[in-house]
Amino acid sequence: MTLVECVPNFSEGRRPEIIQAIRDAIAAVSGVVVLDVSSDDSHNRTVITFVAPVERAVDAAYAGIAVARDLIDLTAHSGAHPRMGAADVVPFIPLEGTTMEQCIALARELGERVGKDLGIPVFLYERAATSAARENLADIRRGEFEKIRLELGSSPVRTPDFGPAKVHPTAGTVAIGARPFLVAYNVYLGDASNLAVAKDVAKAVRGSSGGLRHVKAMGIEVDGQAQVSMNLVDIEKTPMFRAYDMVRMEAAAHGVTPTWSELVGLVPERAIVDAAARYMQLRSFTTEQLLEHRVRAASNEGISLSGFRAAIASSNPAPGGGSAAAHAGSIAAALVQMVAGLTIGRKKYADVEPLFRDMAAQAAVLGNRLAELVDLDAQSYEAVSAAYKLPKSTPEQEAMRRAAITAALIGASEVPLESARACAEIASLAAIAAAKGNVNARADAGVAALMAEAGCRGAAFNVKANVDALDDSASAHGLLEAAETFVGVASEAAARAAGLVQRG
């Protein structure tokens, strides 16, 4: 099951019965889990965070918007936070195993449905925007409900993507989009007498005014206190601690000190861990040092398949093709085990049962090793990257750096070479399984052989990519020659298996 996060914001934070009705409508959709409901009386706003299977996320968001339309009247609404709709903004955020493209598709599907069935004008924003002028939510929402009501349809920026070119009389309009994870983070600067300071600090901090990239900020009064309200739209590039540091620095220039801060909704644990590591001045800290991280990894038997796919799909160079090749080989090994299990114990195949028992054991060993090589390949890349970053200011440093690079490249070549060897062995086992195993599982054996061949070829590509950077041509030639031998074995076995499957 692949999940997506949705964080709809509703223009109601004071009437618990309405908030509960919206929450219940969302939670009633099958497969939906509501993670958090955060309401603020001063903002008169509620943020609901839920996760849902991709195929049910639109239904859940639509259910919440429909209830908000019927129960919230913007003509009688007031609050510190800007708003343009009863359901004000509805973003989809990719989680493990889902992509931004899927979230964009969900935003457009929901927008079309809301515009058509609920009669609410819909603006697509952020990654789902249909033009650059519509990416920034603040630009779409400028003037809020009252001004949008007068200007809707008067310009491209004010023309909705879906629904009527006239605001809903009580529910207004809604922005629906797709975006990365956003952290809503507020810092308080004492009592309301510091409101002007909060506004100056917000201006200095927000990216649009020349402050921190990926930060949106405004200074407002909340419960008699001056607040710098921020949305951190990319905490990888602008982490929470950097936003707080700049708020504190800018406030200090006015003789003001932050009194406290708060999160609205949920936050990835890495954001808090990064802040703690920074202020404790922990060197070379990684999440592998967290007890809970290790416990979760052990209980989950490592990263989930959807998590692995998401890691591959990210812009990080590792895990990459080498890890994917090893993973393909591990799946091929699992298929060989499956074919063996469907053959062992069948009277028709009694004469080959010893062969298949041995085959199942071999496939299990190879599969387990390839699963380890998935991580080892990513680690070998990191070792190469670290070697290239070594200092080279002096001849001695340059010599040490060259030696480290050579050692790292050889290591990074040997890992995919081992993957290629294991994949070749699996392909050979799969060919035997196709020839002698349960005929009802012959296609599965064929798939195993093809995946093993693909894994072997992919691993060989990674061997070549690393040895091409080696100065030692003798070492490079030997590694390449071995990889090509394994590819030949895997290809021949895959061809045999495929032929058997085709003949039936």
Protein backbone atom coordinates (compact mmCIF):
# COMPACT_ATOMS: atom_id res chain seq x y z
CA MET A 1 0.00 0.00 0.00
CA THR A 2 1.38 3.41 -0.96
CA LEU A 3 0.35 6.35 1.19
CA VAL A 4 0.07 10.07 0.65
CA GLU A 5 -0.20 12.82 3.24
CA CYS A 6 -2.78 15.57 3.02
CA VAL A 7 -2.87 18.65 5.27
CA PRO A 8 -6.08 20.63 4.63
CA ASN A 9 -6.46 23.98 6.40
CA PHE A 10 -9.99 25.03 7.37
CA SER A 11 -11.16 28.52 8.34
CA GLU A 12 -12.59 27.49 11.70
CA GLY A 13 -10.73 27.24 14.98
CA ARG A 14 -13.30 28.22 17.59
CA ARG A 15 -16.29 25.87 17.27
CA PRO A 16 -15.31 22.34 18.33
CA GLU A 17 -18.46 20.77 16.91
CA ILE A 18 -17.67 21.97 13.36
CA ILE A 19 -14.03 20.94 13.63
CA GLN A 20 -15.14 17.48 14.81
CA ALA A 21 -17.64 17.15 11.95
CA ILE A 22 -14.94 17.90 9.37
CA ARG A 23 -12.49 15.54 11.07
CA ASP A 24 -15.06 12.75 11.24
CA ALA A 25 -15.95 13.11 7.55
CA ILE A 26 -12.31 12.69 6.60
CA ALA A 27 -11.72 9.78 8.99
CA ALA A 28 -14.83 7.94 7.74
CA VAL A 29 -13.17 7.20 4.39
CA SER A 30 -11.77 3.67 4.33
CA GLY A 31 -8.03 3.43 4.90
CA VAL A 32 -7.64 7.01 6.17
CA VAL A 33 -5.77 7.71 9.40
CA VAL A 34 -6.06 11.18 10.93
CA LEU A 35 -2.70 11.91 12.54
CA ASP A 36 -3.31 15.34 14.01
CA VAL A 37 -5.89 18.10 14.45
CA SER A 38 -4.46 21.50 15.43
CA SER A 39 -6.83 24.42 16.07
CA ASP A 40 -6.00 28.01 16.93
CA ASP A 41 -8.56 30.41 18.36
CA SER A 42 -6.72 33.59 17.37
CA HIS A 43 -6.05 32.40 13.84
CA ASN A 44 -9.57 30.93 13.76
CA ARG A 45 -8.12 28.09 11.77
CA THR A 46 -7.71 24.33 11.99
CA VAL A 47 -5.05 22.19 10.34
CA ILE A 48 -5.90 18.50 9.92
CA THR A 49 -3.15 16.07 8.97
CA PHE A 50 -4.10 12.69 7.56
CA VAL A 51 -2.56 9.90 5.56
CA ALA A 52 -4.45 7.75 3.10
CA PRO A 53 -3.85 5.20 0.38
CA VAL A 54 -3.25 7.04 -2.89
CA GLU A 55 -6.51 5.76 -4.32
CA ARG A 56 -8.59 7.09 -1.37
CA ALA A 57 -6.87 10.41 -0.65
CA VAL A 58 -9.10 12.43 -2.98
CA ASP A 59 -12.25 10.97 -1.42
CA ALA A 60 -11.07 11.93 2.07
CA ALA A 61 -10.08 15.48 1.15
CA TYR A 62 -13.33 15.96 -0.77
CA ALA A 63 -15.36 14.79 2.25
CA GLY A 64 -13.72 17.41 4.47
CA ILE A 65 -14.19 20.20 1.92
CA ALA A 66 -17.86 19.32 1.47
CA VAL A 67 -18.57 19.54 5.21
CA ALA A 68 -16.63 22.81 5.48
CA ARG A 69 -18.64 24.28 2.63
CA ASP A 70 -21.90 23.51 4.43
CA LEU A 71 -20.86 24.58 7.95
CA ILE A 72 -18.48 27.54 7.56
CA ASP A 73 -19.62 31.00 6.45
CA LEU A 74 -16.73 33.27 5.50
CA THR A 75 -18.96 36.34 5.53
CA ALA A 76 -19.10 35.91 9.32
CA HIS A 77 -15.49 34.79 9.77
CA SER A 78 -12.62 36.74 11.30
CA GLY A 79 -9.15 35.69 12.43
CA ALA A 80 -5.49 36.63 12.39
CA HIS A 81 -4.60 34.26 9.55
CA PRO A 82 -5.25 35.16 5.89
CA ARG A 83 -8.01 33.07 4.30
CA MET A 84 -9.95 32.84 1.08
CA GLY A 85 -12.08 29.76 1.61
CA ALA A 86 -13.91 27.66 4.17
CA ALA A 87 -11.55 24.91 3.12
CA ASP A 88 -8.71 27.34 2.54
CA VAL A 89 -5.81 25.28 1.26
CA VAL A 90 -5.50 21.54 0.59
CA PRO A 91 -2.00 20.27 -0.20
CA PHE A 92 -0.95 16.70 -1.01
CA ILE A 93 2.52 15.65 0.13
CA PRO A 94 4.38 12.53 -1.06
CA LEU A 95 5.42 9.95 1.51
CA GLU A 96 7.56 6.84 1.10
CA GLY A 97 6.69 5.11 -2.13
CA THR A 98 4.74 8.01 -3.65
CA THR A 99 6.01 10.72 -5.96
CA MET A 100 5.35 14.40 -6.45
CA GLU A 101 3.84 13.56 -9.85
CA GLN A 102 1.24 11.36 -8.16
CA CYS A 103 0.39 14.20 -5.76
CA ILE A 104 0.00 16.63 -8.66
CA ALA A 105 -2.42 14.21 -10.30
CA LEU A 106 -4.39 13.93 -7.03
CA ALA A 107 -4.59 17.73 -6.73
CA ARG A 108 -5.98 18.06 -10.24
CA GLU A 109 -8.46 15.22 -9.73
CA LEU A 110 -9.71 16.78 -6.49
CA GLY A 111 -9.82 20.26 -8.00
CA GLU A 112 -11.97 19.14 -10.90
CA ARG A 113 -14.34 17.30 -8.59
CA VAL A 114 -14.67 20.19 -6.10
CA GLY A 115 -15.26 22.73 -8.84
CA LYS A 116 -17.87 20.62 -10.61
CA ASP A 117 -19.75 19.00 -7.72
CA LEU A 118 -19.44 21.59 -4.93
CA GLY A 119 -19.52 24.76 -7.02
CA ILE A 120 -16.36 26.16 -5.40
CA PRO A 121 -13.73 27.89 -7.56
CA VAL A 122 -10.41 26.04 -7.34
CA PHE A 123 -6.90 27.41 -7.78
CA LEU A 124 -4.08 24.92 -8.28
CA TYR A 125 -0.89 26.02 -6.53
CA GLU A 126 2.74 25.07 -5.76
CA ARG A 127 3.86 22.03 -7.82
CA ALA A 128 0.34 21.53 -9.22
CA ALA A 129 0.11 25.12 -10.52
CA THR A 130 -0.73 25.58 -14.19
CA SER A 131 1.46 28.69 -14.46
CA ALA A 132 4.38 30.25 -12.60
CA ALA A 133 2.14 33.10 -11.44
CA ARG A 134 0.02 30.60 -9.53
CA GLU A 135 2.77 28.75 -7.66
CA ASN A 136 2.91 31.06 -4.65
CA LEU A 137 -0.10 30.64 -2.38
CA ALA A 138 0.31 34.17 -1.03
CA ASP A 139 -0.16 35.61 -4.53
CA ILE A 140 -3.35 33.65 -5.04
CA ARG A 141 -4.74 34.51 -1.61
CA ARG A 142 -3.77 38.22 -1.69
CA GLY A 143 -6.69 40.39 -0.59
CA GLU A 144 -8.37 37.36 0.98
CA PHE A 145 -12.00 36.37 0.58
CA GLU A 146 -13.36 39.92 0.42
CA LYS A 147 -11.13 41.14 -2.39
CA ILE A 148 -11.15 37.87 -4.33
CA ARG A 149 -14.95 38.00 -4.25
CA LEU A 150 -14.78 41.26 -6.20
CA GLU A 151 -11.94 40.35 -8.58
CA LEU A 152 -12.52 36.69 -9.43
CA GLY A 153 -12.19 36.14 -13.17
CA SER A 154 -10.80 39.61 -13.83
CA SER A 155 -7.24 38.45 -14.66
CA PRO A 156 -5.29 35.22 -15.27
CA VAL A 157 -4.17 35.18 -11.62
CA ARG A 158 -7.79 35.55 -10.49
CA THR A 159 -9.28 33.02 -12.94
CA PRO A 160 -9.82 29.62 -11.29
CA ASP A 161 -8.53 26.36 -12.76
CA PHE A 162 -11.79 24.57 -11.98
CA GLY A 163 -15.28 25.57 -10.98
CA PRO A 164 -17.29 28.73 -11.58
CA ALA A 165 -15.68 32.13 -12.16
CA LYS A 166 -17.64 33.40 -9.15
CA VAL A 167 -16.90 32.78 -5.49
CA HIS A 168 -19.15 30.51 -3.51
CA PRO A 169 -21.26 32.95 -1.42
CA THR A 170 -20.24 31.46 1.94
CA ALA A 171 -17.39 28.99 1.20
CA GLY A 172 -15.33 31.31 -0.98
CA THR A 173 -12.59 29.62 -3.00
CA VAL A 174 -9.99 26.94 -2.31
CA ALA A 175 -6.34 26.39 -3.22
CA ILE A 176 -5.46 22.76 -3.94
CA GLY A 177 -1.91 21.71 -4.63
CA ALA A 178 1.05 19.43 -4.22
CA ARG A 179 4.19 20.32 -2.31
CA PRO A 180 7.08 18.93 -0.29
CA PHE A 181 6.73 18.58 3.46
CA LEU A 182 6.07 21.95 5.10
CA VAL A 183 6.69 22.81 8.73
CA ALA A 184 4.47 25.47 10.32
CA TYR A 185 6.68 27.04 12.97
CA ASN A 186 5.92 30.10 15.12
CA VAL A 187 8.27 32.11 17.33
CA TYR A 188 6.89 34.49 19.97
CA LEU A 189 8.56 37.80 20.82
CA GLY A 190 6.85 38.75 24.06
CA ASP A 191 3.68 40.77 24.41
CA ALA A 192 1.77 42.64 21.73
CA SER A 193 3.81 45.80 22.24
CA ASN A 194 6.47 44.05 20.15
CA LEU A 195 4.15 43.53 17.17
CA ALA A 196 6.06 46.07 15.05
CA VAL A 197 9.25 44.18 15.84
CA ALA A 198 7.61 40.90 14.82
CA LYS A 199 6.61 42.43 11.50
CA ASP A 200 10.15 43.73 10.90
CA VAL A 201 11.65 40.37 11.85
CA ALA A 202 9.24 38.51 9.56
CA LYS A 203 10.19 40.78 6.68
CA ALA A 204 13.89 40.15 7.31
CA VAL A 205 13.40 36.38 7.57
CA ARG A 206 11.11 35.60 4.65
CA GLY A 207 12.64 34.65 1.34
CA SER A 208 10.53 37.02 -0.75
CA SER A 209 12.10 39.98 1.08
CA GLY A 210 15.66 38.76 0.68
CA GLY A 211 15.82 36.64 3.83
CA LEU A 212 16.00 32.88 4.06
CA ARG A 213 15.10 30.86 1.01
CA HIS A 214 12.19 28.47 1.48
CA VAL A 215 10.73 30.53 4.35
CA LYS A 216 7.43 32.38 4.33
CA ALA A 217 6.83 34.62 7.32
CA MET A 218 4.54 37.28 8.71
CA GLY A 219 4.30 39.18 11.99
CA ILE A 220 0.93 39.00 13.74
CA GLU A 221 -0.65 39.38 17.15
CA VAL A 222 -1.87 36.17 18.77
CA ASP A 223 -3.48 36.08 22.22
CA GLY A 224 -1.92 39.39 23.20
CA GLN A 225 1.54 38.29 22.06
CA ALA A 226 3.73 39.24 19.10
CA GLN A 227 4.28 36.24 16.84
CA VAL A 228 6.54 35.58 13.87
CA SER A 229 4.49 33.00 11.98
CA MET A 230 6.54 30.94 9.52
CA ASN A 231 6.06 28.24 6.95
CA LEU A 232 9.29 26.37 6.26
CA VAL A 233 8.67 24.90 2.84
CA ASP A 234 11.96 22.97 2.48
CA ILE A 235 13.57 22.03 5.78
CA GLU A 236 16.39 20.21 4.01
CA LYS A 237 17.66 23.50 2.57
CA THR A 238 16.49 25.82 5.34
CA PRO A 239 16.24 23.82 8.58
CA MET A 240 14.23 24.88 11.60
CA PHE A 241 17.25 25.84 13.66
CA ARG A 242 18.42 28.27 10.96
CA ALA A 243 15.03 29.96 10.89
CA TYR A 244 15.02 30.27 14.68
CA ASP A 245 18.59 31.60 14.73
CA MET A 246 17.71 34.35 12.25
CA VAL A 247 14.55 35.32 14.12
CA ARG A 248 16.55 35.56 17.34
CA MET A 249 19.31 37.59 15.67
CA GLU A 250 16.91 40.03 14.00
CA ALA A 251 14.87 40.42 17.17
CA ALA A 252 18.05 41.10 19.18
CA ALA A 253 18.77 44.03 16.87
CA HIS A 254 15.56 45.57 18.24
CA GLY A 255 16.43 44.68 21.83
CA VAL A 256 13.88 41.83 21.93
CA THR A 257 14.41 38.19 22.90
CA PRO A 258 12.18 35.28 21.79
CA THR A 259 10.09 33.96 24.65
CA TRP A 260 9.01 30.61 23.20
CA SER A 261 8.16 28.83 19.96
CA GLU A 262 5.65 26.27 18.76
CA LEU A 263 4.90 23.80 16.00
CA VAL A 264 1.54 23.64 14.28
CA GLY A 265 0.78 20.11 13.19
CA LEU A 266 3.45 17.49 12.63
CA VAL A 267 7.17 17.67 11.93
CA PRO A 268 9.65 15.06 10.68
CA GLU A 269 11.81 13.83 13.55
CA ARG A 270 14.96 14.68 11.60
CA ALA A 271 14.13 18.39 11.94
CA ILE A 272 14.24 18.18 15.75
CA VAL A 273 17.25 15.87 15.72
CA ASP A 274 19.16 18.27 13.46
CA ALA A 275 18.41 21.16 15.81
CA ALA A 276 19.53 19.18 18.85
CA ALA A 277 22.75 18.09 17.14
CA ARG A 278 23.52 21.67 16.14
CA TYR A 279 23.04 23.20 19.58
CA MET A 280 24.88 20.35 21.32
CA GLN A 281 27.69 20.75 18.75
CA LEU A 282 27.74 17.02 18.02
CA ARG A 283 30.37 16.19 15.42
CA SER A 284 29.76 13.60 12.71
CA PHE A 285 26.38 12.76 14.20
CA THR A 286 24.09 10.46 12.20
CA THR A 287 20.65 9.02 12.89
CA GLU A 288 22.32 5.59 13.11
CA GLN A 289 23.34 6.67 16.62
CA LEU A 290 19.73 6.95 17.71
CA LEU A 291 18.55 3.96 19.72
CA GLU A 292 14.99 4.23 18.45
CA HIS A 293 16.22 4.36 14.83
CA ARG A 294 18.06 1.09 15.28
CA VAL A 295 15.11 -0.52 17.06
CA ARG A 296 12.72 0.48 14.26
CA ALA A 297 15.11 -0.82 11.62
CA ALA A 298 15.42 -4.13 13.46
CA SER A 299 11.69 -4.52 14.01
CA ASN A 300 10.95 -3.63 10.39
CA GLU A 301 13.80 -5.77 9.08
CA GLY A 302 15.30 -2.73 7.36
CA ILE A 303 13.82 -0.19 4.97
CA SER A 304 10.44 -0.96 3.42
CA LEU A 305 10.10 -1.63 -0.29
CA SER A 306 8.18 1.62 -0.73
CA GLY A 307 10.88 3.41 1.24
CA PHE A 308 13.58 1.92 -0.97
CA ARG A 309 11.73 3.04 -4.09
CA ALA A 310 11.39 6.53 -2.67
CA ALA A 311 15.10 6.62 -1.81
CA ILE A 312 15.99 5.59 -5.37
CA ALA A 313 13.60 8.19 -6.79
CA SER A 314 15.12 11.03 -4.74
CA SER A 315 17.80 13.35 -6.08
CA ASN A 316 20.40 11.74 -3.82
CA PRO A 317 23.02 9.76 -5.80
CA ALA A 318 22.91 6.83 -3.40
CA PRO A 319 21.25 4.40 -3.33
CA GLY A 320 21.44 4.28 -7.11
CA GLY A 321 21.84 1.87 -9.98
CA GLY A 322 24.19 -0.49 -8.17
CA SER A 323 21.78 -0.91 -5.27
CA ALA A 324 18.87 -1.35 -7.68
CA ALA A 325 20.81 -4.05 -9.55
CA ALA A 326 21.50 -5.94 -6.33
CA HIS A 327 17.85 -5.60 -5.34
CA ALA A 328 16.74 -7.02 -8.68
CA GLY A 329 19.00 -10.00 -8.06
CA SER A 330 17.56 -10.53 -4.57
CA ILE A 331 14.04 -10.61 -6.00
CA ALA A 332 15.19 -13.12 -8.62
CA ALA A 333 16.57 -15.27 -5.82
CA ALA A 334 13.25 -15.12 -4.00
CA LEU A 335 11.45 -16.28 -7.17
CA VAL A 336 13.83 -19.23 -7.48
CA GLN A 337 13.00 -20.14 -3.89
CA MET A 338 9.31 -19.92 -4.73
CA VAL A 339 9.65 -22.25 -7.73
CA ALA A 340 11.64 -24.66 -5.57
CA GLY A 341 8.90 -24.59 -2.93
CA LEU A 342 6.27 -25.38 -5.57
CA THR A 343 8.33 -28.32 -6.81
CA ILE A 344 9.43 -29.92 -3.53
CA GLY A 345 6.90 -32.38 -2.13
CA ARG A 346 5.13 -33.03 -5.44
CA LYS A 347 5.08 -36.72 -6.45
CA LYS A 348 5.55 -35.77 -10.08
CA TYR A 349 8.90 -34.15 -9.23
CA ALA A 350 10.14 -36.62 -6.61
CA ASP A 351 13.25 -37.45 -8.63
CA VAL A 352 14.45 -33.82 -8.64
CA GLU A 353 13.47 -33.03 -5.04
CA PRO A 354 17.05 -33.26 -3.69
CA LEU A 355 18.19 -30.93 -6.46
CA PHE A 356 15.52 -28.38 -5.64
CA ARG A 357 16.12 -28.55 -1.90
CA ASP A 358 19.74 -27.69 -2.55
CA MET A 359 18.67 -25.01 -5.05
CA ALA A 360 16.36 -23.39 -2.50
CA ALA A 361 19.19 -23.21 0.03
CA GLN A 362 21.59 -21.73 -2.53
CA ALA A 363 19.04 -19.14 -3.62
CA ALA A 364 18.39 -18.16 -0.01
CA VAL A 365 22.09 -17.59 0.65
CA LEU A 366 22.54 -15.61 -2.57
CA GLY A 367 19.40 -13.56 -1.92
CA ASN A 368 20.52 -12.67 1.59
CA ARG A 369 23.93 -11.60 0.31
CA LEU A 370 22.40 -9.45 -2.42
CA ALA A 371 20.16 -7.79 0.15
CA GLU A 372 23.34 -6.85 2.04
CA LEU A 373 24.96 -5.63 -1.18
CA VAL A 374 22.08 -3.17 -1.67
CA ASP A 375 23.36 -1.23 1.35
CA LEU A 376 27.03 -1.94 0.69
CA ASP A 377 26.79 -0.42 -2.78
CA ALA A 378 25.42 2.84 -1.36
CA GLN A 379 28.12 2.84 1.32
CA SER A 380 30.86 2.28 -1.26
CA TYR A 381 29.65 5.33 -3.17
CA GLU A 382 29.81 7.39 0.02
CA ALA A 383 33.40 6.19 0.57
CA VAL A 384 34.38 7.40 -2.92
CA SER A 385 32.68 10.72 -2.33
CA ALA A 386 34.50 11.14 0.99
CA ALA A 387 37.86 10.34 -0.62
CA TYR A 388 37.38 13.03 -3.26
CA LYS A 389 36.70 15.57 -0.49
CA LEU A 390 40.05 14.96 1.27
CA PRO A 391 42.42 17.95 1.41
CA LYS A 392 45.08 18.33 -1.29
CA SER A 393 46.90 21.49 -0.33
CA THR A 394 50.32 19.86 0.09
CA PRO A 395 52.10 17.12 -1.92
CA GLU A 396 51.71 14.74 1.01
CA GLN A 397 47.98 15.43 1.23
CA GLU A 398 47.62 15.03 -2.52
CA ALA A 399 49.38 11.65 -2.41
CA MET A 400 47.22 10.45 0.46
CA ARG A 401 44.12 11.67 -1.36
CA ARG A 402 45.05 9.82 -4.56
CA ALA A 403 45.67 6.61 -2.61
CA ALA A 404 42.36 6.96 -0.79
CA ILE A 405 40.50 7.57 -4.06
CA THR A 406 42.09 4.52 -5.68
CA ALA A 407 41.23 2.30 -2.72
CA ALA A 408 37.67 3.63 -2.60
CA LEU A 409 37.16 3.14 -6.36
CA ILE A 410 38.45 -0.42 -6.21
CA GLY A 411 36.12 -1.10 -3.27
CA ALA A 412 33.23 0.50 -5.12
CA SER A 413 34.01 -1.76 -8.13
CA GLU A 414 34.30 -4.94 -6.10
CA VAL A 415 30.86 -4.52 -4.54
CA PRO A 416 28.90 -4.51 -7.84
CA LEU A 417 31.26 -7.21 -9.13
CA GLU A 418 30.09 -9.43 -6.30
CA SER A 419 26.50 -8.52 -7.17
CA ALA A 420 27.16 -9.53 -10.78
CA ARG A 421 28.60 -12.88 -9.67
CA ALA A 422 25.63 -13.59 -7.41
CA CYS A 423 23.14 -12.59 -10.13
CA ALA A 424 24.87 -14.90 -12.63
CA GLU A 425 24.55 -17.80 -10.21
CA ILE A 426 20.88 -17.03 -9.65
CA ALA A 427 20.24 -16.86 -13.40
CA SER A 428 21.78 -20.32 -13.76
CA LEU A 429 19.58 -21.66 -10.96
CA ALA A 430 16.54 -20.07 -12.58
CA ALA A 431 17.31 -21.77 -15.89
CA ILE A 432 17.46 -25.13 -14.14
CA ALA A 433 14.20 -24.33 -12.35
CA ALA A 434 12.56 -23.52 -15.68
CA ALA A 435 13.80 -26.79 -17.19
CA LYS A 436 13.14 -29.21 -14.33
CA GLY A 437 10.79 -27.52 -11.90
CA ASN A 438 7.03 -27.40 -11.59
CA VAL A 439 5.75 -26.50 -15.04
CA ASN A 440 3.01 -24.35 -13.49
CA ALA A 441 5.77 -22.07 -12.17
CA ARG A 442 7.90 -22.04 -15.31
CA ALA A 443 6.98 -18.44 -16.11
CA ASP A 444 8.09 -17.45 -12.61
CA ALA A 445 11.42 -19.13 -13.22
CA GLY A 446 11.66 -17.20 -16.49
CA VAL A 447 11.03 -13.92 -14.70
CA ALA A 448 13.70 -14.84 -12.15
CA ALA A 449 16.22 -15.48 -14.92
CA LEU A 450 15.45 -12.20 -16.70
CA MET A 451 15.65 -10.19 -13.46
CA ALA A 452 18.92 -11.88 -12.57
CA GLU A 453 20.32 -11.03 -16.00
CA ALA A 454 19.18 -7.41 -15.62
CA GLY A 455 20.76 -7.26 -12.17
CA CYS A 456 23.98 -8.71 -13.51
CA ARG A 457 24.17 -6.28 -16.42
CA GLY A 458 23.31 -3.35 -14.14
CA ALA A 459 26.01 -4.38 -11.69
CA ALA A 460 28.52 -4.66 -14.54
CA PHE A 461 27.63 -1.11 -15.64
CA ASN A 462 28.55 0.07 -12.16
CA VAL A 463 31.82 -1.85 -12.22
CA LYS A 464 32.72 -0.06 -15.45
CA ALA A 465 31.69 3.36 -14.12
CA ASN A 466 34.10 2.99 -11.21
CA VAL A 467 37.06 1.38 -12.98
CA ASP A 468 36.93 4.02 -15.71
CA ALA A 469 38.08 6.47 -13.02
CA LEU A 470 41.02 4.29 -11.96
CA ASP A 471 44.58 5.14 -12.96
CA ASP A 472 45.63 1.51 -12.51
CA SER A 473 44.76 0.00 -15.91
CA ALA A 474 45.76 -3.53 -14.86
CA SER A 475 43.30 -3.56 -11.97
CA ALA A 476 40.65 -1.99 -14.16
CA HIS A 477 41.06 -4.58 -16.90
CA GLY A 478 40.78 -7.50 -14.48
CA LEU A 479 37.62 -6.18 -12.87
CA LEU A 480 35.96 -5.47 -16.22
CA GLU A 481 36.90 -8.86 -17.62
CA ALA A 482 35.38 -10.63 -14.61
CA ALA A 483 32.18 -8.58 -14.88
CA GLU A 484 31.83 -9.39 -18.58
CA THR A 485 32.25 -13.09 -17.83
CA PHE A 486 29.41 -12.98 -15.31
CA VAL A 487 27.19 -11.13 -17.79
CA GLY A 488 27.83 -13.83 -20.37
CA VAL A 489 26.81 -16.56 -17.93
CA ALA A 490 23.66 -14.69 -16.89
CA SER A 491 22.64 -13.90 -20.47
CA GLU A 492 23.05 -17.48 -21.63
CA ALA A 493 21.00 -18.77 -18.69
CA ALA A 494 18.28 -16.17 -19.23
CA ALA A 495 18.06 -17.09 -22.91
CA ARG A 496 17.61 -20.77 -22.02
CA ALA A 497 14.92 -20.00 -19.47
CA ALA A 498 13.11 -17.63 -21.82
CA GLY A 499 13.15 -20.26 -24.56
CA LEU A 500 11.57 -22.82 -22.27
CA VAL A 501 8.85 -20.38 -21.22
CA GLN A 502 8.10 -19.47 -24.83
CA ARG A 503 7.80 -23.12 -25.85
CA GLY A 504 5.45 -23.80 -22.92
